[in-house]
């Protein structure tokens, strides 16, 4: 099955006093570049990288987690150590201000309790050990959705690429037919050129003429290019049947397709064959664009 590198998935969940929203986005990439935007939860990043590495081979993939503890749902617990540290810091601040002749407005209890870390969600501390496990399970469910979308996109890509490869094969076949017409035109041109040479007063050795004609035939021969095009068509079909990860191989193969098409155009010496070569280049260029999306 062919897979695309372009996909998107999202998922939301909750556990005790925690709620979250996942997002996962994937675009083209030469290798696997996994970028994580996560809150501090022990063991979460390592677990995500391990899970993603099992099923992702290529692509720039971004995973983000918007996480929030819902304190009101479980009540608050006073962190006495944090409170003691905050009060000590306030007392020292007031003392230093007095030494400098400054008068500070007294802090209210509400202001002290509002400091970060003074009040904590009551159930959150007890659930912290299990939170990473729950989050990882939720991530794996989203990862499954993400891969489903990549597979669906890949199926559509496979249809497009199959059509393009079939078109390349058909054009290579058409080039065989054009060679027959070109051969007649080239033979006529050679006969005319040879007649002009023979009319020259200086005598030219027959061996020299035969050698030049042989060199011209070699320079215009496109048999090998067409044979390689047909071989590449067969290889491309095998890769599509094999399924991902074959994106790099298909990319290399599309470059080889273009190499043969360029050579065909340079050797064409015939309007019909040139037109076929240009059509080949257009289809191959479209194919290369699609291949960039394949894992």
Foldseek 3Di string as FASTA:
>chain_A
DWFFQFFKFKDWDDDQQKIKIKIKGWFFFPWEAEAEAEDDAPPQVVLLCVLCVVPDTGTDMYMYMDMDGRQVVADKDFPVVLLVVLVVVVVVVCVVCVVVVHDDDDDDPVNSCPDPPGIDRPCCVVCSVVPSVVVSVRVSVRVVVRRVRRVVVRVVLLVLLLVLLVLLLVLLVVLVVVVVVVVVVVVVVLVVVVVVVVPDPDDDDPVVSVVVVVVLCVLQDLVVLSVVSVVLSVVVVVDSVVYPPCLVVQLVSLVSQLVSLVSQLVNVPDPVSNVSSVVSNVSSVVSNVSSSRID
